[in-house]
Amino acid sequence: MKPFRWILAFLLVASILHTRAGAVQITDDLGTTVTLSQSAGRIISLYGAFAEMLYAVGAGSRLAARTQADAYPPEILKLPSVGTHMKPNFEMIIGFKPDLVIQSASRREEMPDMERLSGAGIPVAVFAPKSFEDIFSTMERLGVLTGCEGEAGAAVARMKQRLARVQAKLAGVEKRRRVFFEVRAEPLTGAGRGSIVQQILAAAGAENVLRSEKAIVQYSLEALLLDDPDVYVMQRGPMNRNPAELAARAHFDRLRCVKEGKIVPVDEFIFSRPGPRCVEAVEQLAAALYPTIFDEGGR
């Protein structure tokens, strides 16, 4: 019987070691330690930027559902929706039986519901990317949670290389373009220096005419006319649906950038969402601001 007991003991220890070896752990941006017994296989992301990150690190197939606004990459549209990122349906989320839910720290009002998920035994990771380094860190931690560390590291390395190529081309620029970034037309609202947009502007060789450290700033036409930016960047998307053309707006024809046609329309989901495509935003904007030194796409 002794050999048999030894075999049972060996199998038990091996099983324990295997479980421990399969466990993954990270610290999220709230300082919470998130531990999974094994790599996440069914994930629900409650913010589109994180869904894009999961696809970028090779874990997009792990998504079990999406929010209504998620449309990139296109294959995500095949997934069922759990409501908007502002008001997700938590009963539906629990019903999908995910082994990981990812939420944005900006959704503080939803934190009590996050506690409901935790109480139901569903691990929740909360992230707050506001810079390129934050994006890289979030992607790397998602790589850990999904067992895709290698893919995440490679994706981050490629993004850093693309940003470095832009910086190399900007090295000869002596005077940076002064830019106003329109977040919303009515009321006129611009991107301040406390958002991912500021990171994109700076990386693309632009100087933000807004000095506020807030993420978004309600602005007056009088202040805009005084700033008289070199280039007007206008996003289009849920925050700025169907904005009127600048030339058709009262007094906007007094702006030098409008007179000279230096207006750059951009996609809100690429420029205002802190995800992998922010690198694409830098490439697009740098090419628009300095067309003589950039080839197509800024690459």
C-alpha atoms as a PDB file:
ATOM      1  CA  MET A   1       0.000   0.000   0.000  1.00  0.00           C
ATOM      2  CA  LYS A   2       2.917   2.311   0.668  1.00  0.00           C
ATOM      3  CA  PRO A   3       3.905   2.695  -2.995  1.00  0.00           C
ATOM      4  CA  PHE A   4       0.291   3.475  -3.814  1.00  0.00           C
ATOM      5  CA  ARG A   5       0.189   6.168  -1.101  1.00  0.00           C
ATOM      6  CA  TRP A   6       3.396   7.646  -2.458  1.00  0.00           C
ATOM      7  CA  ILE A   7       1.847   7.803  -5.907  1.00  0.00           C
ATOM      8  CA  LEU A   8      -1.266   9.541  -4.561  1.00  0.00           C
ATOM      9  CA  ALA A   9       0.865  12.020  -2.633  1.00  0.00           C
ATOM     10  CA  PHE A  10       2.960  12.714  -5.720  1.00  0.00           C
ATOM     11  CA  LEU A  11      -0.116  13.304  -7.871  1.00  0.00           C
ATOM     12  CA  LEU A  12      -1.602  15.638  -5.244  1.00  0.00           C
ATOM     13  CA  VAL A  13       1.580  17.707  -4.997  1.00  0.00           C
ATOM     14  CA  ALA A  14       1.895  17.792  -8.786  1.00  0.00           C
ATOM     15  CA  SER A  15      -1.678  19.007  -9.079  1.00  0.00           C
ATOM     16  CA  ILE A  16      -1.079  21.774  -6.531  1.00  0.00           C
ATOM     17  CA  LEU A  17       2.114  22.849  -8.256  1.00  0.00           C
ATOM     18  CA  HIS A  18       0.355  22.881 -11.642  1.00  0.00           C
ATOM     19  CA  THR A  19      -2.434  25.086 -10.254  1.00  0.00           C
ATOM     20  CA  ARG A  20       0.056  27.483  -8.726  1.00  0.00           C
ATOM     21  CA  ALA A  21       2.105  27.571 -11.878  1.00  0.00           C
ATOM     22  CA  GLY A  22      -1.011  28.367 -13.924  1.00  0.00           C
ATOM     23  CA  ALA A  23      -2.054  31.250 -11.665  1.00  0.00           C
ATOM     24  CA  VAL A  24      -1.529  34.806 -12.934  1.00  0.00           C
ATOM     25  CA  GLN A  25      -1.429  38.039 -10.966  1.00  0.00           C
ATOM     26  CA  ILE A  26      -1.155  41.761 -11.637  1.00  0.00           C
ATOM     27  CA  THR A  27      -1.733  45.021  -9.766  1.00  0.00           C
ATOM     28  CA  ASP A  28      -4.306  47.236 -11.452  1.00  0.00           C
ATOM     29  CA  ASP A  29      -4.405  51.044 -11.464  1.00  0.00           C
ATOM     30  CA  LEU A  30      -6.450  51.183  -8.262  1.00  0.00           C
ATOM     31  CA  GLY A  31      -3.653  49.314  -6.503  1.00  0.00           C
ATOM     32  CA  THR A  32      -5.759  46.157  -6.295  1.00  0.00           C
ATOM     33  CA  THR A  33      -4.052  42.795  -6.687  1.00  0.00           C
ATOM     34  CA  VAL A  34      -5.946  40.808  -9.316  1.00  0.00           C
ATOM     35  CA  THR A  35      -5.272  37.073  -9.162  1.00  0.00           C
ATOM     36  CA  LEU A  36      -6.626  34.440 -11.540  1.00  0.00           C
ATOM     37  CA  SER A  37      -6.179  30.710 -11.028  1.00  0.00           C
ATOM     38  CA  GLN A  38      -5.270  30.501 -14.724  1.00  0.00           C
ATOM     39  CA  SER A  39      -5.119  32.740 -17.778  1.00  0.00           C
ATOM     40  CA  ALA A  40      -8.442  34.452 -18.508  1.00  0.00           C
ATOM     41  CA  GLY A  41     -10.489  32.615 -21.105  1.00  0.00           C
ATOM     42  CA  ARG A  42     -13.780  34.564 -21.004  1.00  0.00           C
ATOM     43  CA  ILE A  43     -13.382  38.327 -20.743  1.00  0.00           C
ATOM     44  CA  ILE A  44     -15.787  41.249 -20.821  1.00  0.00           C
ATOM     45  CA  SER A  45     -14.261  44.667 -21.405  1.00  0.00           C
ATOM     46  CA  LEU A  46     -16.453  47.604 -20.401  1.00  0.00           C
ATOM     47  CA  TYR A  47     -14.415  50.133 -22.377  1.00  0.00           C
ATOM     48  CA  GLY A  48     -13.536  49.869 -26.042  1.00  0.00           C
ATOM     49  CA  ALA A  49      -9.875  50.839 -25.577  1.00  0.00           C
ATOM     50  CA  PHE A  50      -9.290  47.704 -23.526  1.00  0.00           C
ATOM     51  CA  ALA A  51     -11.025  45.533 -26.104  1.00  0.00           C
ATOM     52  CA  GLU A  52      -8.687  46.965 -28.753  1.00  0.00           C
ATOM     53  CA  MET A  53      -5.733  46.218 -26.490  1.00  0.00           C
ATOM     54  CA  LEU A  54      -6.836  42.605 -26.099  1.00  0.00           C
ATOM     55  CA  TYR A  55      -6.921  42.181 -29.872  1.00  0.00           C
ATOM     56  CA  ALA A  56      -3.528  43.871 -30.148  1.00  0.00           C
ATOM     57  CA  VAL A  57      -1.921  41.415 -27.716  1.00  0.00           C
ATOM     58  CA  GLY A  58      -3.468  38.366 -29.408  1.00  0.00           C
ATOM     59  CA  ALA A  59      -6.262  37.782 -26.885  1.00  0.00           C
ATOM     60  CA  GLY A  60      -9.265  39.154 -28.811  1.00  0.00           C
ATOM     61  CA  SER A  61     -10.762  35.681 -29.131  1.00  0.00           C
ATOM     62  CA  ARG A  62     -11.149  35.623 -25.331  1.00  0.00           C
ATOM     63  CA  LEU A  63     -13.808  38.353 -25.391  1.00  0.00           C
ATOM     64  CA  ALA A  64     -17.255  37.001 -24.531  1.00  0.00           C
ATOM     65  CA  ALA A  65     -19.198  40.261 -25.034  1.00  0.00           C
ATOM     66  CA  ARG A  66     -18.756  43.942 -25.872  1.00  0.00           C
ATOM     67  CA  THR A  67     -20.341  47.321 -25.195  1.00  0.00           C
ATOM     68  CA  GLN A  68     -22.591  48.986 -27.767  1.00  0.00           C
ATOM     69  CA  ALA A  69     -20.013  51.505 -29.013  1.00  0.00           C
ATOM     70  CA  ASP A  70     -17.326  48.894 -29.689  1.00  0.00           C
ATOM     71  CA  ALA A  71     -16.811  48.548 -33.435  1.00  0.00           C
ATOM     72  CA  TYR A  72     -13.078  47.994 -33.834  1.00  0.00           C
ATOM     73  CA  PRO A  73     -11.709  45.699 -34.988  1.00  0.00           C
ATOM     74  CA  PRO A  74     -14.761  44.786 -37.128  1.00  0.00           C
ATOM     75  CA  GLU A  75     -14.923  41.197 -35.855  1.00  0.00           C
ATOM     76  CA  ILE A  76     -15.935  42.477 -32.420  1.00  0.00           C
ATOM     77  CA  LEU A  77     -19.366  43.294 -33.872  1.00  0.00           C
ATOM     78  CA  LYS A  78     -20.131  39.560 -33.900  1.00  0.00           C
ATOM     79  CA  LEU A  79     -20.170  39.568 -30.091  1.00  0.00           C
ATOM     80  CA  PRO A  80     -23.316  40.242 -28.014  1.00  0.00           C
ATOM     81  CA  SER A  81     -23.608  43.618 -26.305  1.00  0.00           C
ATOM     82  CA  VAL A  82     -23.986  44.169 -22.556  1.00  0.00           C
ATOM     83  CA  GLY A  83     -25.172  47.772 -22.955  1.00  0.00           C
ATOM     84  CA  THR A  84     -23.239  51.023 -23.118  1.00  0.00           C
ATOM     85  CA  HIS A  85     -19.947  51.631 -21.332  1.00  0.00           C
ATOM     86  CA  MET A  86     -21.792  54.338 -19.363  1.00  0.00           C
ATOM     87  CA  LYS A  87     -24.568  51.949 -18.274  1.00  0.00           C
ATOM     88  CA  PRO A  88     -23.657  48.297 -18.725  1.00  0.00           C
ATOM     89  CA  ASN A  89     -26.178  45.623 -17.768  1.00  0.00           C
ATOM     90  CA  PHE A  90     -24.593  43.834 -14.823  1.00  0.00           C
ATOM     91  CA  GLU A  91     -27.149  41.038 -14.769  1.00  0.00           C
ATOM     92  CA  MET A  92     -26.168  40.225 -18.351  1.00  0.00           C
ATOM     93  CA  ILE A  93     -22.490  40.395 -17.464  1.00  0.00           C
ATOM     94  CA  ILE A  94     -22.938  37.899 -14.629  1.00  0.00           C
ATOM     95  CA  GLY A  95     -25.004  35.693 -16.951  1.00  0.00           C
ATOM     96  CA  PHE A  96     -22.108  35.424 -19.414  1.00  0.00           C
ATOM     97  CA  LYS A  97     -19.987  33.901 -16.622  1.00  0.00           C
ATOM     98  CA  PRO A  98     -16.748  35.735 -17.431  1.00  0.00           C
ATOM     99  CA  ASP A  99     -13.577  34.894 -15.550  1.00  0.00           C
ATOM    100  CA  LEU A 100     -12.401  38.519 -15.885  1.00  0.00           C
ATOM    101  CA  VAL A 101     -14.098  41.911 -16.293  1.00  0.00           C
ATOM    102  CA  ILE A 102     -12.070  44.988 -17.261  1.00  0.00           C
ATOM    103  CA  GLN A 103     -13.282  48.468 -16.391  1.00  0.00           C
ATOM    104  CA  SER A 104     -12.002  52.049 -16.753  1.00  0.00           C
ATOM    105  CA  ALA A 105     -11.130  53.987 -13.590  1.00  0.00           C
ATOM    106  CA  SER A 106     -12.994  56.970 -15.064  1.00  0.00           C
ATOM    107  CA  ARG A 107     -16.276  55.135 -14.450  1.00  0.00           C
ATOM    108  CA  ARG A 108     -16.215  55.787 -10.688  1.00  0.00           C
ATOM    109  CA  GLU A 109     -20.009  55.777 -10.430  1.00  0.00           C
ATOM    110  CA  GLU A 110     -19.980  52.151 -11.568  1.00  0.00           C
ATOM    111  CA  MET A 111     -17.589  51.004  -8.827  1.00  0.00           C
ATOM    112  CA  PRO A 112     -20.378  49.768  -6.508  1.00  0.00           C
ATOM    113  CA  ASP A 113     -21.498  47.471  -9.342  1.00  0.00           C
ATOM    114  CA  MET A 114     -17.901  46.333  -9.761  1.00  0.00           C
ATOM    115  CA  GLU A 115     -18.087  45.249  -6.122  1.00  0.00           C
ATOM    116  CA  ARG A 116     -21.217  43.265  -7.018  1.00  0.00           C
ATOM    117  CA  LEU A 117     -19.216  41.409  -9.633  1.00  0.00           C
ATOM    118  CA  SER A 118     -16.414  40.752  -7.188  1.00  0.00           C
ATOM    119  CA  GLY A 119     -19.011  39.500  -4.713  1.00  0.00           C
ATOM    120  CA  ALA A 120     -20.259  37.108  -7.388  1.00  0.00           C
ATOM    121  CA  GLY A 121     -16.739  35.692  -7.670  1.00  0.00           C
ATOM    122  CA  ILE A 122     -15.850  37.517 -10.907  1.00  0.00           C
ATOM    123  CA  PRO A 123     -12.394  39.167 -10.815  1.00  0.00           C
ATOM    124  CA  VAL A 124     -12.349  42.813 -11.910  1.00  0.00           C
ATOM    125  CA  ALA A 125      -9.303  44.724 -13.173  1.00  0.00           C
ATOM    126  CA  VAL A 126      -9.483  48.518 -13.390  1.00  0.00           C
ATOM    127  CA  PHE A 127      -7.112  50.567 -15.554  1.00  0.00           C
ATOM    128  CA  ALA A 128      -6.631  54.309 -16.131  1.00  0.00           C
ATOM    129  CA  PRO A 129      -4.370  54.905 -19.164  1.00  0.00           C
ATOM    130  CA  LYS A 130      -3.682  58.600 -19.749  1.00  0.00           C
ATOM    131  CA  SER A 131      -0.326  58.429 -21.511  1.00  0.00           C
ATOM    132  CA  PHE A 132       1.565  56.205 -23.923  1.00  0.00           C
ATOM    133  CA  GLU A 133       3.472  54.651 -21.024  1.00  0.00           C
ATOM    134  CA  ASP A 134       0.147  53.916 -19.317  1.00  0.00           C
ATOM    135  CA  ILE A 135      -1.127  52.275 -22.509  1.00  0.00           C
ATOM    136  CA  PHE A 136       2.008  50.137 -22.768  1.00  0.00           C
ATOM    137  CA  SER A 137       1.750  49.125 -19.106  1.00  0.00           C
ATOM    138  CA  THR A 138      -1.932  48.227 -19.448  1.00  0.00           C
ATOM    139  CA  MET A 139      -1.254  46.110 -22.529  1.00  0.00           C
ATOM    140  CA  GLU A 140       1.579  44.289 -20.771  1.00  0.00           C
ATOM    141  CA  ARG A 141      -0.610  43.535 -17.752  1.00  0.00           C
ATOM    142  CA  LEU A 142      -3.411  42.315 -20.014  1.00  0.00           C
ATOM    143  CA  GLY A 143      -0.800  40.079 -21.605  1.00  0.00           C
ATOM    144  CA  VAL A 144      -0.073  38.588 -18.192  1.00  0.00           C
ATOM    145  CA  LEU A 145      -3.764  38.058 -17.387  1.00  0.00           C
ATOM    146  CA  THR A 146      -4.358  36.285 -20.706  1.00  0.00           C
ATOM    147  CA  GLY A 147      -1.101  34.341 -20.906  1.00  0.00           C
ATOM    148  CA  CYS A 148      -0.033  36.426 -23.892  1.00  0.00           C
ATOM    149  CA  GLU A 149       3.013  38.094 -22.359  1.00  0.00           C
ATOM    150  CA  GLY A 150       5.162  37.471 -25.426  1.00  0.00           C
ATOM    151  CA  GLU A 151       2.601  38.851 -27.846  1.00  0.00           C
ATOM    152  CA  ALA A 152       1.996  41.875 -25.597  1.00  0.00           C
ATOM    153  CA  GLY A 153       5.702  42.609 -25.359  1.00  0.00           C
ATOM    154  CA  ALA A 154       6.087  42.381 -29.126  1.00  0.00           C
ATOM    155  CA  ALA A 155       3.063  44.643 -29.739  1.00  0.00           C
ATOM    156  CA  VAL A 156       4.387  47.272 -27.321  1.00  0.00           C
ATOM    157  CA  ALA A 157       7.833  47.102 -28.925  1.00  0.00           C
ATOM    158  CA  ARG A 158       6.315  47.712 -32.383  1.00  0.00           C
ATOM    159  CA  MET A 159       4.359  50.693 -31.102  1.00  0.00           C
ATOM    160  CA  LYS A 160       7.459  52.206 -29.528  1.00  0.00           C
ATOM    161  CA  GLN A 161       9.383  51.737 -32.768  1.00  0.00           C
ATOM    162  CA  ARG A 162       6.690  53.537 -34.762  1.00  0.00           C
ATOM    163  CA  LEU A 163       6.709  56.454 -32.311  1.00  0.00           C
ATOM    164  CA  ALA A 164      10.503  56.592 -32.484  1.00  0.00           C
ATOM    165  CA  ARG A 165      10.365  56.831 -36.290  1.00  0.00           C
ATOM    166  CA  VAL A 166       8.042  59.838 -36.022  1.00  0.00           C
ATOM    167  CA  GLN A 167      10.355  61.505 -33.499  1.00  0.00           C
ATOM    168  CA  ALA A 168      13.353  60.932 -35.760  1.00  0.00           C
ATOM    169  CA  LYS A 169      11.616  62.732 -38.622  1.00  0.00           C
ATOM    170  CA  LEU A 170      10.540  65.596 -36.349  1.00  0.00           C
ATOM    171  CA  ALA A 171      14.104  66.167 -35.181  1.00  0.00           C
ATOM    172  CA  GLY A 172      14.669  68.823 -37.828  1.00  0.00           C
ATOM    173  CA  VAL A 173      11.497  70.803 -37.053  1.00  0.00           C
ATOM    174  CA  GLU A 174      12.481  74.150 -35.543  1.00  0.00           C
ATOM    175  CA  LYS A 175       9.041  75.680 -34.995  1.00  0.00           C
ATOM    176  CA  ARG A 176       6.176  73.460 -33.884  1.00  0.00           C
ATOM    177  CA  ARG A 177       2.673  74.035 -35.235  1.00  0.00           C
ATOM    178  CA  ARG A 178       0.309  75.629 -32.700  1.00  0.00           C
ATOM    179  CA  VAL A 179      -2.876  73.524 -32.615  1.00  0.00           C
ATOM    180  CA  PHE A 180      -6.382  73.723 -31.196  1.00  0.00           C
ATOM    181  CA  PHE A 181      -8.081  70.332 -30.838  1.00  0.00           C
ATOM    182  CA  GLU A 182     -11.875  70.542 -30.927  1.00  0.00           C
ATOM    183  CA  VAL A 183     -13.485  67.929 -28.714  1.00  0.00           C
ATOM    184  CA  ARG A 184     -17.002  69.302 -29.139  1.00  0.00           C
ATOM    185  CA  ALA A 185     -18.429  72.102 -31.256  1.00  0.00           C
ATOM    186  CA  GLU A 186     -21.449  72.990 -29.081  1.00  0.00           C
ATOM    187  CA  PRO A 187     -20.515  74.309 -26.620  1.00  0.00           C
ATOM    188  CA  LEU A 188     -17.003  74.852 -27.945  1.00  0.00           C
ATOM    189  CA  THR A 189     -14.763  72.482 -26.019  1.00  0.00           C
ATOM    190  CA  GLY A 190     -11.091  71.735 -26.541  1.00  0.00           C
ATOM    191  CA  ALA A 191      -8.602  69.134 -25.377  1.00  0.00           C
ATOM    192  CA  GLY A 192      -6.493  70.340 -22.465  1.00  0.00           C
ATOM    193  CA  ARG A 193      -3.178  68.965 -21.297  1.00  0.00           C
ATOM    194  CA  GLY A 194      -4.551  66.258 -19.008  1.00  0.00           C
ATOM    195  CA  SER A 195      -5.685  63.777 -21.654  1.00  0.00           C
ATOM    196  CA  ILE A 196      -4.282  61.294 -24.149  1.00  0.00           C
ATOM    197  CA  VAL A 197      -4.871  63.940 -26.837  1.00  0.00           C
ATOM    198  CA  GLN A 198      -2.089  66.054 -25.313  1.00  0.00           C
ATOM    199  CA  GLN A 199       0.255  63.071 -25.578  1.00  0.00           C
ATOM    200  CA  ILE A 200      -0.678  62.637 -29.235  1.00  0.00           C
ATOM    201  CA  LEU A 201      -0.238  66.330 -30.024  1.00  0.00           C
ATOM    202  CA  ALA A 202       3.183  66.461 -28.401  1.00  0.00           C
ATOM    203  CA  ALA A 203       4.368  63.252 -30.093  1.00  0.00           C
ATOM    204  CA  ALA A 204       3.177  64.601 -33.471  1.00  0.00           C
ATOM    205  CA  GLY A 205       5.199  67.795 -33.114  1.00  0.00           C
ATOM    206  CA  ALA A 206       2.309  70.078 -32.140  1.00  0.00           C
ATOM    207  CA  GLU A 207       1.974  72.675 -29.420  1.00  0.00           C
ATOM    208  CA  ASN A 208      -1.411  72.725 -27.715  1.00  0.00           C
ATOM    209  CA  VAL A 209      -2.710  76.311 -27.511  1.00  0.00           C
ATOM    210  CA  LEU A 210      -4.715  75.341 -24.417  1.00  0.00           C
ATOM    211  CA  ARG A 211      -2.703  75.608 -21.209  1.00  0.00           C
ATOM    212  CA  SER A 212      -5.207  74.017 -18.845  1.00  0.00           C
ATOM    213  CA  GLU A 213      -4.169  70.773 -17.159  1.00  0.00           C
ATOM    214  CA  LYS A 214      -7.742  69.485 -17.416  1.00  0.00           C
ATOM    215  CA  ALA A 215      -8.604  66.790 -19.950  1.00  0.00           C
ATOM    216  CA  ILE A 216     -11.294  68.841 -21.683  1.00  0.00           C
ATOM    217  CA  VAL A 217     -11.882  72.564 -21.427  1.00  0.00           C
ATOM    218  CA  GLN A 218     -14.930  74.625 -22.379  1.00  0.00           C
ATOM    219  CA  TYR A 219     -13.579  77.501 -24.460  1.00  0.00           C
ATOM    220  CA  SER A 220     -14.785  80.840 -25.719  1.00  0.00           C
ATOM    221  CA  LEU A 221     -14.643  82.070 -29.282  1.00  0.00           C
ATOM    222  CA  GLU A 222     -12.916  85.220 -28.041  1.00  0.00           C
ATOM    223  CA  ALA A 223     -10.091  83.201 -26.465  1.00  0.00           C
ATOM    224  CA  LEU A 224      -9.794  81.065 -29.598  1.00  0.00           C
ATOM    225  CA  LEU A 225      -9.506  84.182 -31.795  1.00  0.00           C
ATOM    226  CA  LEU A 226      -6.771  85.518 -29.523  1.00  0.00           C
ATOM    227  CA  ASP A 227      -4.882  82.204 -29.646  1.00  0.00           C
ATOM    228  CA  ASP A 228      -5.279  82.094 -33.454  1.00  0.00           C
ATOM    229  CA  PRO A 229      -3.845  78.559 -33.883  1.00  0.00           C
ATOM    230  CA  ASP A 230      -1.821  77.514 -36.922  1.00  0.00           C
ATOM    231  CA  VAL A 231      -3.940  74.387 -37.367  1.00  0.00           C
ATOM    232  CA  TYR A 232      -7.458  73.466 -36.226  1.00  0.00           C
ATOM    233  CA  VAL A 233      -7.952  69.760 -35.475  1.00  0.00           C
ATOM    234  CA  MET A 234     -11.614  68.742 -35.298  1.00  0.00           C
ATOM    235  CA  GLN A 235     -12.637  65.314 -34.107  1.00  0.00           C
ATOM    236  CA  ARG A 236     -15.757  63.554 -35.293  1.00  0.00           C
ATOM    237  CA  GLY A 237     -17.491  60.882 -33.247  1.00  0.00           C
ATOM    238  CA  PRO A 238     -19.982  60.424 -30.390  1.00  0.00           C
ATOM    239  CA  MET A 239     -18.699  63.529 -28.554  1.00  0.00           C
ATOM    240  CA  ASN A 240     -18.865  65.673 -31.688  1.00  0.00           C
ATOM    241  CA  ARG A 241     -21.540  64.389 -34.030  1.00  0.00           C
ATOM    242  CA  ASN A 242     -21.950  66.237 -37.345  1.00  0.00           C
ATOM    243  CA  PRO A 243     -20.076  69.420 -36.399  1.00  0.00           C
ATOM    244  CA  ALA A 244     -20.697  72.397 -38.674  1.00  0.00           C
ATOM    245  CA  GLU A 245     -17.930  73.308 -41.097  1.00  0.00           C
ATOM    246  CA  LEU A 246     -15.697  75.968 -39.583  1.00  0.00           C
ATOM    247  CA  ALA A 247     -16.205  78.423 -42.448  1.00  0.00           C
ATOM    248  CA  ALA A 248     -19.959  78.289 -41.802  1.00  0.00           C
ATOM    249  CA  ARG A 249     -19.638  79.178 -38.114  1.00  0.00           C
ATOM    250  CA  ALA A 250     -20.057  82.777 -37.059  1.00  0.00           C
ATOM    251  CA  HIS A 251     -16.743  84.660 -36.824  1.00  0.00           C
ATOM    252  CA  PHE A 252     -14.632  81.533 -37.405  1.00  0.00           C
ATOM    253  CA  ASP A 253     -13.602  82.972 -40.761  1.00  0.00           C
ATOM    254  CA  ARG A 254     -11.428  85.400 -38.794  1.00  0.00           C
ATOM    255  CA  LEU A 255      -9.137  82.528 -37.779  1.00  0.00           C
ATOM    256  CA  ARG A 256      -5.948  82.345 -39.844  1.00  0.00           C
ATOM    257  CA  CYS A 257      -6.146  78.528 -40.013  1.00  0.00           C
ATOM    258  CA  VAL A 258      -9.651  78.761 -41.515  1.00  0.00           C
ATOM    259  CA  LYS A 259      -8.553  81.361 -44.063  1.00  0.00           C
ATOM    260  CA  GLU A 260      -5.619  79.141 -45.061  1.00  0.00           C
ATOM    261  CA  GLY A 261      -7.629  75.906 -45.007  1.00  0.00           C
ATOM    262  CA  LYS A 262      -5.454  74.337 -42.327  1.00  0.00           C
ATOM    263  CA  ILE A 263      -8.190  72.196 -40.808  1.00  0.00           C
ATOM    264  CA  VAL A 264      -7.599  68.545 -39.962  1.00  0.00           C
ATOM    265  CA  PRO A 265     -10.679  66.311 -39.354  1.00  0.00           C
ATOM    266  CA  VAL A 266      -9.896  63.231 -37.254  1.00  0.00           C
ATOM    267  CA  ASP A 267     -11.627  60.139 -35.898  1.00  0.00           C
ATOM    268  CA  GLU A 268     -12.549  60.415 -32.216  1.00  0.00           C
ATOM    269  CA  PHE A 269     -12.060  56.683 -31.653  1.00  0.00           C
ATOM    270  CA  ILE A 270      -8.454  56.919 -32.836  1.00  0.00           C
ATOM    271  CA  PHE A 271      -7.520  60.220 -31.190  1.00  0.00           C
ATOM    272  CA  SER A 272      -9.508  60.330 -27.943  1.00  0.00           C
ATOM    273  CA  ARG A 273      -9.534  56.657 -26.985  1.00  0.00           C
ATOM    274  CA  PRO A 274      -6.365  55.671 -25.068  1.00  0.00           C
ATOM    275  CA  GLY A 275      -5.684  52.461 -26.967  1.00  0.00           C
ATOM    276  CA  PRO A 276      -3.206  50.957 -29.430  1.00  0.00           C
ATOM    277  CA  ARG A 277      -4.404  53.161 -32.302  1.00  0.00           C
ATOM    278  CA  CYS A 278      -3.069  56.276 -30.577  1.00  0.00           C
ATOM    279  CA  VAL A 279       0.187  55.527 -32.375  1.00  0.00           C
ATOM    280  CA  GLU A 280      -1.717  55.697 -35.656  1.00  0.00           C
ATOM    281  CA  ALA A 281      -3.116  59.050 -34.487  1.00  0.00           C
ATOM    282  CA  VAL A 282       0.413  60.385 -34.010  1.00  0.00           C
ATOM    283  CA  GLU A 283       1.420  59.204 -37.487  1.00  0.00           C
ATOM    284  CA  GLN A 284      -1.676  60.734 -39.112  1.00  0.00           C
ATOM    285  CA  LEU A 285      -1.360  64.082 -37.368  1.00  0.00           C
ATOM    286  CA  ALA A 286       2.388  64.424 -37.888  1.00  0.00           C
ATOM    287  CA  ALA A 287       1.901  63.767 -41.614  1.00  0.00           C
ATOM    288  CA  ALA A 288      -0.879  66.385 -41.759  1.00  0.00           C
ATOM    289  CA  LEU A 289       1.138  69.000 -39.877  1.00  0.00           C
ATOM    290  CA  TYR A 290       4.428  68.445 -41.715  1.00  0.00           C
ATOM    291  CA  PRO A 291       3.555  66.960 -45.112  1.00  0.00           C
ATOM    292  CA  THR A 292       6.900  67.835 -46.677  1.00  0.00           C
ATOM    293  CA  ILE A 293       8.894  65.650 -44.294  1.00  0.00           C
ATOM    294  CA  PHE A 294       6.480  62.739 -43.854  1.00  0.00           C
ATOM    295  CA  ASP A 295       5.506  60.112 -46.331  1.00  0.00           C
ATOM    296  CA  GLU A 296       1.997  58.616 -46.250  1.00  0.00           C
ATOM    297  CA  GLY A 297       0.884  57.620 -42.743  1.00  0.00           C
ATOM    298  CA  GLY A 298       3.998  59.052 -41.117  1.00  0.00           C
ATOM    299  CA  ARG A 299       5.810  55.726 -41.398  1.00  0.00           C
END
